[in-house]
Amino acid sequence: MSKDAQPRKMHGCSDESNSVFAKLAVDDHVNLQYPQVLFRPSLLAGSSQGNSAVRDQSSTQKLTLFDVVGLTVVMLISSTLLLLYCIPVSLSAPRAIATNYTTADWLSRTQSAVDTLQKWYNPTTGLWETTNWWNAANILTTLGNYALLNPSFAPEFERIAQNTFIRAPISKPRVLKVRTSTSLHTYTYPNIPDGLKAPPASNAGDGFLNWYYDDEGWWALAWLKAYDVTNNPAYRAEAAKIFFDMTKGYFATCGGLWWDKRHTANVAIANELFLAVAAGLANRVPVIEKPYYVDWVWRHWAWFRTAGFFNLDFVINDGLDLNTCQNNNGIVWSYNQGVILGALVEANQTGMYLRPGSTPLIYSHLVDRTVLHALRKLLDRDGILHDVCEPECGDDGPQFKGIFMRNVMQSRAFLEKSFGRFDDSRTAIGRNADAIWNKDRGRDDKLGLVWSGPYREATAATQSSALDALVARLDLEINGVLGAGTGEGKDTA
């Protein structure tokens, strides 16, 4: 048996089962119901009373066959509920893909995909051609993750980040975003459809602020990633400035954060980004500033978890209906499932968790369950990730899957530290990276939209989205708990 085929470790209920199992009954999203059973007084009496009752046959009721069967059923149900908590939510065994690729192979492939991506980079504007303003923030985040894995790329990333930091606000496009519960389109001025009007142009002095709070959230995360790579406090300060502007859009209809400054929608992605940025800043600002952001994490999560974004399948729909404040039953986009994972993992750092009184074990279970249900919803029978818009996803949709994979990478690392293994994430990362390289790659290592293939065309959005999956695969090689080279996609003895 290969090392990668070892069974996933248990949660470790033996030490904490009573307290944790009781807490789960009232904890976030874990609603376990216990059977209401009426026991006969003589069966629950203390030892002295019980012995007396046995001696006094007139006061003792006979234990009938019905009693025995009933108690047996109750014990079986209780034991099963405890067992279901103590074992991992995910029971799938890892499936090795016999490709014999090495860490050097994945490093070379990822670097080649980065080189192709940078052919779309315009040093004059600090942005990437063929894609939009918010996509550029995600591209910068992806390159930052790669720089953290490959230190030799860090100087190049620092040059890109610095150039974008200076030039992008000057060339910031004037955009109009139009969304429904089933679609999202971004238009750049002057190419605005008849009958629609773009918001006023943003001032270059506003930096990375614009008319959409989700756009601002993407840029805040990008600058936090740049701070992680470079340790340049200007990037952290920019993220804090962006977050402060986002707080001005709080207390929307139905609660939480508005999607835009015109107050037209309350959507999941803006609220997930708000949580992720607050948690990210809490983990990076000086200690004296941390309580402010921790308070926002606690307050926002207390609202988000019950606001109605999660549906009955435990995945997140597009947003809320402003008339009813109920789930709008919109599309289950992959990026909505991803951003919440990253936000949850960030919130777990430095013992912050999501609210006072939570525990690491309960919290890990929440992350585990969230990623499992997302994978079940989004993967096809071959384990390849898809969004419902494929194969025509406009300018915005092609970015979504990469965002999901980026955050699955983050949750995988968190869950492996907690449990020792997390096979579903490993399998998803391995299969999708392999599929992209073998089935959705064109000339010059251009990477397309539909990862199961065939390759059609590439843009900076499709390239960077697929690159997120390759970076996640490289991270699995370098930082997997079993050591480099023993993850999905390679034979092991």
Protein backbone atom coordinates (compact mmCIF):
# COMPACT_ATOMS: atom_id res chain seq x y z
CA MET A 1 0.00 0.00 0.00
CA SER A 2 1.27 3.48 -0.85
CA LYS A 3 1.60 6.11 1.83
CA ASP A 4 -1.11 8.07 0.07
CA ALA A 5 -3.58 5.24 0.55
CA GLN A 6 -3.50 5.33 4.33
CA PRO A 7 -6.94 5.84 5.91
CA ARG A 8 -7.81 9.31 7.04
CA LYS A 9 -7.38 9.90 10.77
CA MET A 10 -10.31 10.13 13.13
CA HIS A 11 -11.42 13.39 14.69
CA GLY A 12 -10.29 12.15 18.09
CA CYS A 13 -13.61 12.03 19.96
CA SER A 14 -12.32 9.91 22.82
CA ASP A 15 -11.09 12.94 24.76
CA GLU A 16 -13.81 15.41 23.90
CA SER A 17 -16.84 13.42 22.75
CA ASN A 18 -19.22 14.40 25.54
CA SER A 19 -18.58 18.15 25.48
CA VAL A 20 -18.09 18.51 21.72
CA PHE A 21 -21.04 16.29 20.82
CA ALA A 22 -23.29 18.37 23.02
CA LYS A 23 -21.97 21.62 21.53
CA LEU A 24 -22.55 20.36 18.00
CA ALA A 25 -26.26 20.22 18.66
CA VAL A 26 -26.35 24.01 18.81
CA ASP A 27 -23.28 24.97 16.79
CA ASP A 28 -23.15 26.60 13.34
CA HIS A 29 -24.90 24.52 10.65
CA VAL A 30 -24.65 21.26 12.63
CA ASN A 31 -28.19 20.53 13.74
CA LEU A 32 -28.25 17.06 15.23
CA GLN A 33 -31.59 15.98 16.67
CA TYR A 34 -31.78 13.42 19.44
CA PRO A 35 -34.68 11.02 19.99
CA GLN A 36 -36.96 11.91 22.89
CA VAL A 37 -37.17 8.75 24.99
CA LEU A 38 -39.20 8.19 28.12
CA PHE A 39 -37.53 5.79 30.54
CA ARG A 40 -39.44 4.01 33.30
CA PRO A 41 -38.54 5.33 36.76
CA SER A 42 -37.59 1.88 38.01
CA LEU A 43 -35.01 1.51 35.23
CA LEU A 44 -33.29 4.82 36.00
CA ALA A 45 -33.40 4.64 39.79
CA GLY A 46 -30.25 4.88 41.89
CA SER A 47 -28.59 1.72 43.21
CA SER A 48 -30.13 1.75 46.69
CA GLN A 49 -33.59 2.54 45.35
CA GLY A 50 -33.18 0.03 42.60
CA ASN A 51 -32.14 -2.76 44.98
CA SER A 52 -35.07 -1.97 47.19
CA ALA A 53 -37.39 -2.07 44.21
CA VAL A 54 -36.08 -5.43 43.19
CA ARG A 55 -36.72 -6.80 46.66
CA ASP A 56 -40.19 -5.27 46.65
CA GLN A 57 -41.83 -7.11 43.75
CA SER A 58 -45.07 -5.24 44.26
CA SER A 59 -43.44 -1.93 43.36
CA THR A 60 -41.44 -3.17 40.37
CA GLN A 61 -42.72 -3.24 36.78
CA LYS A 62 -41.62 -6.15 34.63
CA LEU A 63 -39.11 -5.49 31.87
CA THR A 64 -41.09 -6.49 28.79
CA LEU A 65 -39.79 -7.44 25.36
CA PHE A 66 -40.99 -4.04 24.15
CA ASP A 67 -38.75 -2.34 26.73
CA VAL A 68 -35.71 -4.34 25.66
CA VAL A 69 -36.26 -3.62 21.97
CA GLY A 70 -36.91 0.06 22.65
CA LEU A 71 -33.79 0.54 24.73
CA THR A 72 -31.71 -1.33 22.16
CA VAL A 73 -32.94 0.95 19.37
CA VAL A 74 -32.22 4.05 21.44
CA MET A 75 -28.68 2.85 22.18
CA LEU A 76 -28.05 2.04 18.50
CA ILE A 77 -29.27 5.48 17.38
CA SER A 78 -27.18 7.27 19.99
CA SER A 79 -24.09 5.26 19.14
CA THR A 80 -24.58 5.88 15.43
CA LEU A 81 -24.91 9.64 15.93
CA LEU A 82 -21.74 9.72 17.99
CA LEU A 83 -19.90 7.59 15.43
CA LEU A 84 -21.02 9.84 12.57
CA TYR A 85 -19.47 12.78 14.35
CA CYS A 86 -16.29 11.02 15.38
CA ILE A 87 -15.43 9.83 11.88
CA PRO A 88 -14.62 12.33 9.13
CA VAL A 89 -17.46 13.79 7.12
CA SER A 90 -15.63 12.58 4.02
CA LEU A 91 -15.08 8.85 3.70
CA SER A 92 -13.66 8.62 0.20
CA ALA A 93 -10.29 6.96 -0.16
CA PRO A 94 -7.56 8.68 -2.13
CA ARG A 95 -7.17 7.54 -5.70
CA ALA A 96 -3.63 7.71 -6.96
CA ILE A 97 -3.21 8.92 -10.55
CA ALA A 98 -0.33 6.99 -12.03
CA THR A 99 1.37 9.77 -13.93
CA ASN A 100 4.75 9.82 -12.15
CA TYR A 101 5.03 13.60 -12.33
CA THR A 102 7.62 15.07 -10.00
CA THR A 103 7.72 18.32 -8.06
CA ALA A 104 10.12 19.65 -10.71
CA ASP A 105 7.55 18.79 -13.41
CA TRP A 106 4.83 20.78 -11.70
CA LEU A 107 7.17 23.67 -11.01
CA SER A 108 8.14 23.79 -14.68
CA ARG A 109 4.52 23.60 -15.84
CA THR A 110 3.37 26.29 -13.47
CA GLN A 111 6.19 28.61 -14.47
CA SER A 112 5.37 28.10 -18.14
CA ALA A 113 1.72 28.97 -17.49
CA VAL A 114 2.86 32.11 -15.62
CA ASP A 115 5.10 33.12 -18.53
CA THR A 116 2.17 32.83 -20.93
CA LEU A 117 -0.10 34.79 -18.58
CA GLN A 118 2.39 37.65 -18.41
CA LYS A 119 2.21 38.11 -22.17
CA TRP A 120 -1.17 39.76 -21.48
CA TYR A 121 0.29 42.10 -18.85
CA ASN A 122 0.45 45.74 -19.89
CA PRO A 123 3.17 47.54 -17.89
CA THR A 124 1.75 50.91 -18.90
CA THR A 125 -1.65 50.30 -17.30
CA GLY A 126 -0.53 47.82 -14.65
CA LEU A 127 -3.39 45.55 -15.73
CA TRP A 128 -3.88 42.43 -17.86
CA GLU A 129 -5.41 42.77 -21.30
CA THR A 130 -8.41 40.65 -22.39
CA THR A 131 -9.93 40.82 -18.90
CA ASN A 132 -11.57 43.20 -16.42
CA TRP A 133 -10.67 45.30 -13.36
CA TRP A 134 -11.69 42.79 -10.69
CA ASN A 135 -10.05 39.91 -12.58
CA ALA A 136 -6.73 41.75 -12.36
CA ALA A 137 -6.91 41.63 -8.57
CA ASN A 138 -7.37 37.86 -8.72
CA ILE A 139 -4.47 37.48 -11.12
CA LEU A 140 -2.21 39.37 -8.71
CA THR A 141 -3.36 37.10 -5.87
CA THR A 142 -2.59 34.00 -7.92
CA LEU A 143 0.89 35.23 -8.76
CA GLY A 144 1.43 36.00 -5.08
CA ASN A 145 0.57 32.44 -4.13
CA TYR A 146 3.04 31.19 -6.71
CA ALA A 147 5.75 33.51 -5.40
CA LEU A 148 5.27 32.08 -1.91
CA LEU A 149 5.85 28.57 -3.28
CA ASN A 150 8.71 29.52 -5.62
CA PRO A 151 10.97 32.12 -3.96
CA SER A 152 12.92 32.60 -7.18
CA PHE A 153 9.78 34.21 -8.66
CA ALA A 154 9.33 36.57 -5.68
CA PRO A 155 11.50 39.42 -7.12
CA GLU A 156 9.51 39.36 -10.34
CA PHE A 157 6.26 39.37 -8.39
CA GLU A 158 7.47 42.35 -6.38
CA ARG A 159 8.10 44.28 -9.59
CA ILE A 160 4.65 43.42 -10.93
CA ALA A 161 2.94 44.36 -7.66
CA GLN A 162 4.75 47.67 -7.39
CA ASN A 163 3.96 48.60 -10.98
CA THR A 164 0.29 47.68 -10.58
CA PHE A 165 0.10 49.55 -7.27
CA ILE A 166 1.26 52.75 -8.96
CA ARG A 167 -0.26 52.53 -12.44
CA ALA A 168 -3.56 50.66 -12.11
CA PRO A 169 -5.43 53.44 -10.24
CA ILE A 170 -4.45 55.90 -12.98
CA SER A 171 -5.79 53.64 -15.72
CA LYS A 172 -8.74 52.30 -13.69
CA PRO A 173 -11.57 51.60 -16.14
CA ARG A 174 -15.09 52.93 -15.76
CA VAL A 175 -17.22 49.81 -15.50
CA LEU A 176 -20.88 48.90 -15.30
CA LYS A 177 -21.78 45.55 -13.76
CA VAL A 178 -25.20 44.07 -14.42
CA ARG A 179 -26.29 41.05 -12.42
CA THR A 180 -29.31 38.85 -11.91
CA SER A 181 -29.65 35.71 -9.81
CA THR A 182 -28.50 33.70 -12.84
CA SER A 183 -26.00 35.94 -14.64
CA LEU A 184 -23.28 38.56 -14.26
CA HIS A 185 -21.91 40.84 -16.97
CA THR A 186 -19.27 43.56 -16.77
CA TYR A 187 -19.16 46.33 -19.37
CA THR A 188 -16.32 48.83 -19.78
CA TYR A 189 -17.04 52.40 -20.80
CA PRO A 190 -17.70 53.45 -23.55
CA ASN A 191 -18.90 49.98 -24.58
CA ILE A 192 -22.13 50.20 -22.56
CA PRO A 193 -25.32 48.65 -24.02
CA ASP A 194 -28.08 51.04 -25.04
CA GLY A 195 -30.43 51.92 -22.20
CA LEU A 196 -27.79 51.39 -19.51
CA LYS A 197 -25.70 54.01 -17.80
CA ALA A 198 -22.26 53.52 -16.29
CA PRO A 199 -21.51 54.94 -12.83
CA PRO A 200 -19.45 58.13 -12.73
CA ALA A 201 -15.75 57.74 -13.31
CA SER A 202 -13.70 57.02 -10.21
CA ASN A 203 -10.98 59.38 -9.13
CA ALA A 204 -7.45 58.03 -9.50
CA GLY A 205 -6.78 59.40 -6.04
CA ASP A 206 -9.27 56.85 -4.68
CA GLY A 207 -6.77 54.13 -5.42
CA PHE A 208 -8.50 50.77 -5.73
CA LEU A 209 -11.98 51.93 -4.70
CA ASN A 210 -14.84 51.95 -7.18
CA TRP A 211 -18.63 51.57 -7.23
CA TYR A 212 -18.73 47.86 -6.34
CA TYR A 213 -17.90 46.46 -2.93
CA ASP A 214 -17.03 43.04 -4.29
CA ASP A 215 -14.43 44.60 -6.62
CA GLU A 216 -12.97 46.36 -3.61
CA GLY A 217 -12.85 43.11 -1.67
CA TRP A 218 -10.87 41.39 -4.43
CA TRP A 219 -8.29 44.17 -4.43
CA ALA A 220 -8.03 44.13 -0.64
CA LEU A 221 -7.22 40.41 -0.75
CA ALA A 222 -4.71 41.01 -3.54
CA TRP A 223 -2.82 43.58 -1.48
CA LEU A 224 -2.86 41.37 1.58
CA LYS A 225 -1.25 38.65 -0.54
CA ALA A 226 1.31 41.15 -1.85
CA TYR A 227 2.06 42.07 1.76
CA ASP A 228 2.61 38.37 2.57
CA VAL A 229 5.19 38.10 -0.21
CA THR A 230 6.99 41.45 0.15
CA ASN A 231 6.31 42.55 3.73
CA ASN A 232 5.68 46.03 2.33
CA PRO A 233 3.39 47.82 4.84
CA ALA A 234 1.99 50.06 2.07
CA TYR A 235 0.10 47.06 0.70
CA ARG A 236 -1.41 46.20 4.07
CA ALA A 237 -2.38 49.84 4.53
CA GLU A 238 -4.11 49.83 1.14
CA ALA A 239 -6.12 46.75 2.16
CA ALA A 240 -7.14 48.50 5.39
CA LYS A 241 -8.19 51.59 3.44
CA ILE A 242 -10.32 49.45 1.13
CA PHE A 243 -11.94 47.64 4.05
CA PHE A 244 -12.84 50.93 5.72
CA ASP A 245 -14.66 51.97 2.54
CA MET A 246 -16.47 48.62 2.48
CA THR A 247 -17.82 49.21 5.99
CA LYS A 248 -19.68 52.24 4.62
CA GLY A 249 -21.86 49.83 2.66
CA TYR A 250 -22.89 47.83 5.70
CA PHE A 251 -26.45 47.49 7.05
CA ALA A 252 -27.98 46.63 3.70
CA THR A 253 -31.57 45.58 3.27
CA CYS A 254 -31.71 42.11 4.90
CA GLY A 255 -28.47 42.93 6.75
CA GLY A 256 -24.81 42.64 5.87
CA LEU A 257 -23.08 44.43 3.01
CA TRP A 258 -24.54 45.90 -0.15
CA TRP A 259 -23.09 44.63 -3.42
CA ASP A 260 -22.78 48.13 -4.88
CA LYS A 261 -22.90 51.77 -3.86
CA ARG A 262 -26.22 52.21 -5.65
CA HIS A 263 -27.70 49.67 -3.20
CA THR A 264 -29.25 47.41 -5.82
CA ALA A 265 -28.40 43.91 -4.52
CA ASN A 266 -27.40 41.89 -1.46
CA VAL A 267 -25.27 39.04 -2.75
CA ALA A 268 -23.18 36.29 -1.26
CA ILE A 269 -19.85 37.16 -2.84
CA ALA A 270 -19.62 40.70 -1.42
CA ASN A 271 -20.45 39.43 2.06
CA GLU A 272 -17.99 36.54 1.85
CA LEU A 273 -15.26 38.91 0.74
CA PHE A 274 -16.07 41.25 3.62
CA LEU A 275 -15.53 38.37 6.06
CA ALA A 276 -12.33 37.26 4.32
CA VAL A 277 -10.81 40.75 4.30
CA ALA A 278 -11.72 41.42 7.94
CA ALA A 279 -10.14 38.11 9.01
CA GLY A 280 -7.11 38.68 6.80
CA LEU A 281 -6.45 42.09 8.30
CA ALA A 282 -6.96 40.75 11.82
CA ASN A 283 -4.14 38.29 11.16
CA ARG A 284 -1.73 40.92 9.82
CA VAL A 285 -2.22 44.25 11.57
CA PRO A 286 -0.39 45.22 14.79
CA VAL A 287 -1.86 43.74 17.97
CA ILE A 288 -3.37 47.04 19.06
CA GLU A 289 -5.49 47.17 15.87
CA LYS A 290 -6.57 43.53 15.87
CA PRO A 291 -9.70 43.78 18.10
CA TYR A 292 -11.41 46.07 15.59
CA TYR A 293 -11.21 43.49 12.82
CA VAL A 294 -11.96 40.52 15.10
CA ASP A 295 -15.15 42.26 16.16
CA TRP A 296 -16.17 42.66 12.54
CA VAL A 297 -15.49 38.95 11.92
CA TRP A 298 -17.66 37.90 14.85
CA ARG A 299 -20.49 40.29 14.06
CA HIS A 300 -20.56 39.56 10.34
CA TRP A 301 -20.39 35.79 10.70
CA ALA A 302 -23.18 35.85 13.30
CA TRP A 303 -25.36 37.42 10.61
CA PHE A 304 -24.05 35.55 7.55
CA ARG A 305 -24.48 32.02 8.88
CA THR A 306 -28.23 32.50 9.36
CA ALA A 307 -28.94 35.06 6.61
CA GLY A 308 -30.13 32.44 4.12
CA PHE A 309 -27.21 32.16 1.68
CA PHE A 310 -26.75 28.44 2.41
CA ASN A 311 -29.39 26.26 0.81
CA LEU A 312 -30.63 22.84 1.91
CA ASP A 313 -27.70 21.17 0.11
CA PHE A 314 -25.31 23.19 2.30
CA VAL A 315 -23.95 25.17 -0.66
CA ILE A 316 -24.27 28.90 -1.29
CA ASN A 317 -26.63 30.43 -3.82
CA ASP A 318 -26.08 33.79 -5.51
CA GLY A 319 -27.73 36.04 -2.92
CA LEU A 320 -30.87 37.21 -1.12
CA ASP A 321 -34.21 38.37 -2.49
CA LEU A 322 -34.56 41.97 -1.26
CA ASN A 323 -38.35 41.61 -1.04
CA THR A 324 -38.37 38.54 1.18
CA CYS A 325 -34.81 38.44 2.58
CA GLN A 326 -34.79 34.75 1.65
CA ASN A 327 -32.39 32.78 -0.55
CA ASN A 328 -32.96 33.88 -4.14
CA ASN A 329 -32.36 30.33 -5.45
CA GLY A 330 -29.78 31.75 -7.83
CA ILE A 331 -26.96 29.84 -9.44
CA VAL A 332 -24.49 27.96 -7.24
CA TRP A 333 -21.31 29.54 -8.60
CA SER A 334 -17.99 27.91 -7.78
CA TYR A 335 -16.38 31.11 -6.51
CA ASN A 336 -19.04 31.55 -3.84
CA GLN A 337 -18.15 28.13 -2.44
CA GLY A 338 -14.44 29.00 -2.55
CA VAL A 339 -14.34 32.43 -0.93
CA ILE A 340 -16.26 31.29 2.14
CA LEU A 341 -13.68 28.51 2.64
CA GLY A 342 -10.81 30.98 2.56
CA ALA A 343 -12.68 33.28 4.94
CA LEU A 344 -13.31 30.45 7.40
CA VAL A 345 -9.68 29.38 7.35
CA GLU A 346 -8.44 32.95 7.83
CA ALA A 347 -10.84 33.38 10.74
CA ASN A 348 -9.37 30.32 12.42
CA GLN A 349 -5.86 31.77 12.58
CA THR A 350 -4.29 32.89 15.88
CA GLY A 351 -7.16 31.36 17.85
CA MET A 352 -9.72 33.90 16.63
CA TYR A 353 -12.30 31.42 15.29
CA LEU A 354 -15.68 32.69 14.18
CA ARG A 355 -17.24 33.61 17.49
CA PRO A 356 -16.51 33.51 21.20
CA GLY A 357 -16.82 30.03 22.71
CA SER A 358 -16.12 28.08 19.53
CA THR A 359 -13.53 25.28 19.58
CA PRO A 360 -10.99 24.11 17.00
CA LEU A 361 -12.67 20.70 16.67
CA ILE A 362 -16.13 22.08 15.96
CA TYR A 363 -14.64 24.70 13.67
CA SER A 364 -12.68 22.10 11.70
CA HIS A 365 -15.84 20.09 11.24
CA LEU A 366 -17.57 23.14 9.73
CA VAL A 367 -14.78 23.67 7.19
CA ASP A 368 -14.69 19.93 6.40
CA ARG A 369 -18.42 19.82 5.77
CA THR A 370 -18.41 23.00 3.66
CA VAL A 371 -15.71 21.81 1.27
CA LEU A 372 -17.22 18.33 0.96
CA HIS A 373 -20.65 19.62 -0.07
CA ALA A 374 -19.10 22.08 -2.52
CA LEU A 375 -17.09 19.32 -4.20
CA ARG A 376 -20.15 17.10 -4.43
CA LYS A 377 -22.08 19.89 -6.13
CA LEU A 378 -19.45 21.16 -8.56
CA LEU A 379 -17.48 18.12 -9.76
CA ASP A 380 -18.57 15.93 -12.66
CA ARG A 381 -18.41 12.13 -12.54
CA ASP A 382 -14.73 12.28 -13.48
CA GLY A 383 -13.94 14.70 -10.67
CA ILE A 384 -13.51 17.76 -12.92
CA LEU A 385 -14.81 21.17 -11.85
CA HIS A 386 -17.43 23.02 -13.90
CA ASP A 387 -19.60 26.13 -13.70
CA VAL A 388 -23.04 26.08 -15.28
CA CYS A 389 -22.16 28.85 -17.75
CA GLU A 390 -19.67 26.66 -19.64
CA PRO A 391 -18.67 26.77 -22.43
CA GLU A 392 -19.71 30.46 -22.75
CA CYS A 393 -19.04 32.34 -19.52
CA GLY A 394 -18.44 35.89 -20.74
CA ASP A 395 -15.64 37.91 -19.19
CA ASP A 396 -16.44 37.22 -15.53
CA GLY A 397 -17.32 33.53 -15.28
CA PRO A 398 -13.95 32.17 -16.46
CA GLN A 399 -12.36 33.46 -13.23
CA PHE A 400 -14.69 31.59 -10.89
CA LYS A 401 -13.24 28.07 -10.82
CA GLY A 402 -9.72 29.26 -10.14
CA ILE A 403 -10.96 31.19 -7.13
CA PHE A 404 -12.55 28.00 -5.85
CA MET A 405 -9.39 25.95 -6.35
CA ARG A 406 -7.26 28.63 -4.68
CA ASN A 407 -9.39 28.43 -1.56
CA VAL A 408 -9.61 24.64 -1.63
CA MET A 409 -5.81 24.75 -1.52
CA GLN A 410 -6.06 26.85 1.62
CA SER A 411 -8.67 24.63 3.28
CA ARG A 412 -6.69 21.49 2.41
CA ALA A 413 -3.69 22.78 4.31
CA PHE A 414 -5.87 23.71 7.28
CA LEU A 415 -7.64 20.35 7.41
CA GLU A 416 -4.46 18.35 7.04
CA LYS A 417 -2.99 20.19 10.01
CA SER A 418 -6.15 19.42 11.99
CA PHE A 419 -6.78 15.83 10.95
CA GLY A 420 -3.61 14.63 9.26
CA ARG A 421 -5.33 14.03 5.91
CA PHE A 422 -8.08 15.33 3.65
CA ASP A 423 -8.46 13.07 0.67
CA ASP A 424 -11.31 14.83 -1.17
CA SER A 425 -9.35 18.04 -1.62
CA ARG A 426 -6.22 16.17 -2.67
CA THR A 427 -8.14 14.20 -5.27
CA ALA A 428 -9.91 17.28 -6.64
CA ILE A 429 -6.69 19.26 -6.91
CA GLY A 430 -4.80 16.42 -8.56
CA ARG A 431 -7.46 15.49 -11.09
CA ASN A 432 -8.20 19.05 -12.16
CA ALA A 433 -4.55 20.00 -12.56
CA ASP A 434 -3.93 16.89 -14.65
CA ALA A 435 -7.03 17.53 -16.77
CA ILE A 436 -6.05 21.14 -17.44
CA TRP A 437 -2.58 20.19 -18.59
CA ASN A 438 -3.58 17.15 -20.63
CA LYS A 439 -6.96 18.17 -22.07
CA ASP A 440 -7.36 21.97 -21.96
CA ARG A 441 -3.95 23.26 -23.07
CA GLY A 442 -3.16 24.93 -26.37
CA ARG A 443 -0.06 26.23 -28.10
CA ASP A 444 2.45 28.06 -25.88
CA ASP A 445 0.78 26.45 -22.85
CA LYS A 446 -2.33 28.57 -23.11
CA LEU A 447 -5.05 27.25 -20.80
CA GLY A 448 -8.74 27.35 -21.59
CA LEU A 449 -12.11 27.55 -19.85
CA VAL A 450 -13.45 23.97 -19.86
CA TRP A 451 -10.92 21.95 -17.89
CA SER A 452 -12.25 18.61 -19.12
CA GLY A 453 -11.39 19.78 -22.65
CA PRO A 454 -11.13 20.19 -25.48
CA TYR A 455 -9.11 23.42 -25.55
CA ARG A 456 -10.80 26.24 -27.47
CA GLU A 457 -9.20 29.58 -26.64
CA ALA A 458 -7.56 31.44 -23.78
CA THR A 459 -7.67 34.86 -22.16
CA ALA A 460 -5.91 36.26 -19.13
CA ALA A 461 -8.96 35.19 -17.11
CA THR A 462 -8.97 31.54 -18.27
CA GLN A 463 -5.18 31.38 -17.98
CA SER A 464 -5.02 32.70 -14.43
CA SER A 465 -8.00 30.63 -13.35
CA ALA A 466 -6.37 27.42 -14.56
CA LEU A 467 -3.10 28.63 -13.06
CA ASP A 468 -4.79 28.65 -9.65
CA ALA A 469 -5.32 24.89 -10.02
CA LEU A 470 -1.69 24.35 -11.06
CA VAL A 471 -0.49 26.40 -8.09
CA ALA A 472 -2.70 24.31 -5.80
CA ARG A 473 -1.14 21.18 -7.28
CA LEU A 474 2.35 22.54 -6.74
CA ASP A 475 1.42 23.44 -3.17
CA LEU A 476 0.31 19.84 -2.64
CA GLU A 477 3.73 18.65 -3.80
CA ILE A 478 5.69 21.09 -1.66
CA ASN A 479 3.54 21.47 1.45
CA GLY A 480 1.50 18.28 1.61
CA VAL A 481 1.81 16.75 5.07
CA LEU A 482 3.26 13.53 3.62
CA GLY A 483 6.09 15.43 1.98
CA ALA A 484 6.88 16.50 -1.54
CA GLY A 485 6.13 14.05 -4.30
CA THR A 486 3.71 11.84 -2.39
CA GLY A 487 0.46 13.54 -3.26
CA GLU A 488 -2.16 12.94 -5.91
CA GLY A 489 -0.70 12.43 -9.37
CA LYS A 490 2.30 10.27 -8.53
CA ASP A 491 2.91 6.61 -7.75
CA THR A 492 4.40 5.82 -4.36
CA ALA A 493 5.78 2.57 -3.07
